[in-house]
Amino acid sequence: MEKSNLKELRLGIDDAGRGPVIGPMILGGCLIPEETETEFKELGITDSKLLYRKKREKLAKIIKEKSIVYYTHSISPAEIDTGMGIGLNLNEVEALAASIVIKELIKNISKEELKNLSIIIDCPSVNNDSWHKNVLEYLENKDLNIRCEHKADLDHVVVAAASIIAKVTRDNEIEKLKKQIGLDFGSGYPADPKTKDFLKKHVNDFKDIHLFRESWATFQKAKENFKLRQSKLPDY
């Protein structure tokens, strides 16, 4: 069988903002020719968590310019809460989003080109097989060459590139939210002292924009603590 003359293609997907109690989770994806991986490595493209913000933003622009196509998909707190409400866990919600990213990135690729395509997805858990099955459930084309790997952003530069796009997009969305409400809530992660203090004070606010992931245990605990403090206030 003759080897195809078509270029080998790489598609990477990673998320940003999986754990916060405030703001969206973002999935980023990019499609590149195999030879671009070398260039990305030389540029210092790696897991977004290992890079300073200014470096991420600079690299994100280059990644977008060098990619055949890139795409980001936002999962709002409302969508996360709705998924939880109908019995989907966060892995399943993210798997559905990953399938949307794949479909978007390959929609203009020919059937011949798809044969030369490798898709690598950063798996949020060590159970790669289960995650792989979750993603395939939402894809019509079950023959795609998909690999799911835990910490793939450290081992595959195309996934690292996707992680940078996702992280920069989420950072921008967080800044927009802060401007919208006129308050600084920090990073949105439960361990952030600024986020903790904000949640304590505003747990019952901003329902019109569904700012919080209300299905999160962090939010539920903050709400219970708020009620407890209110019940202890003197009744004049």
Foldseek 3Di string as FASTA:
>chain_A
DDDDPDFQKEKAKEWPDLFFQFWKIKIKMFMATPVCQVVLVVLVQFAQVVDDPVSLVVLLVVRCVHTPHMDMDIQTLVNQLVCVVVPHHSLLVVLLVVLVRVCVHCVPPDPVNQVSYAYEYARPDQCFVVSLVSNCVNDPDNPGHYGYHHSVRHVGSSNSSRNSNNHNVRVVVQVVVCVVVVHDQDPRHLVDPSVVVCCLVALPDPVVVSGGNCVDPSSVVSVVVNVVVVVPDDDD
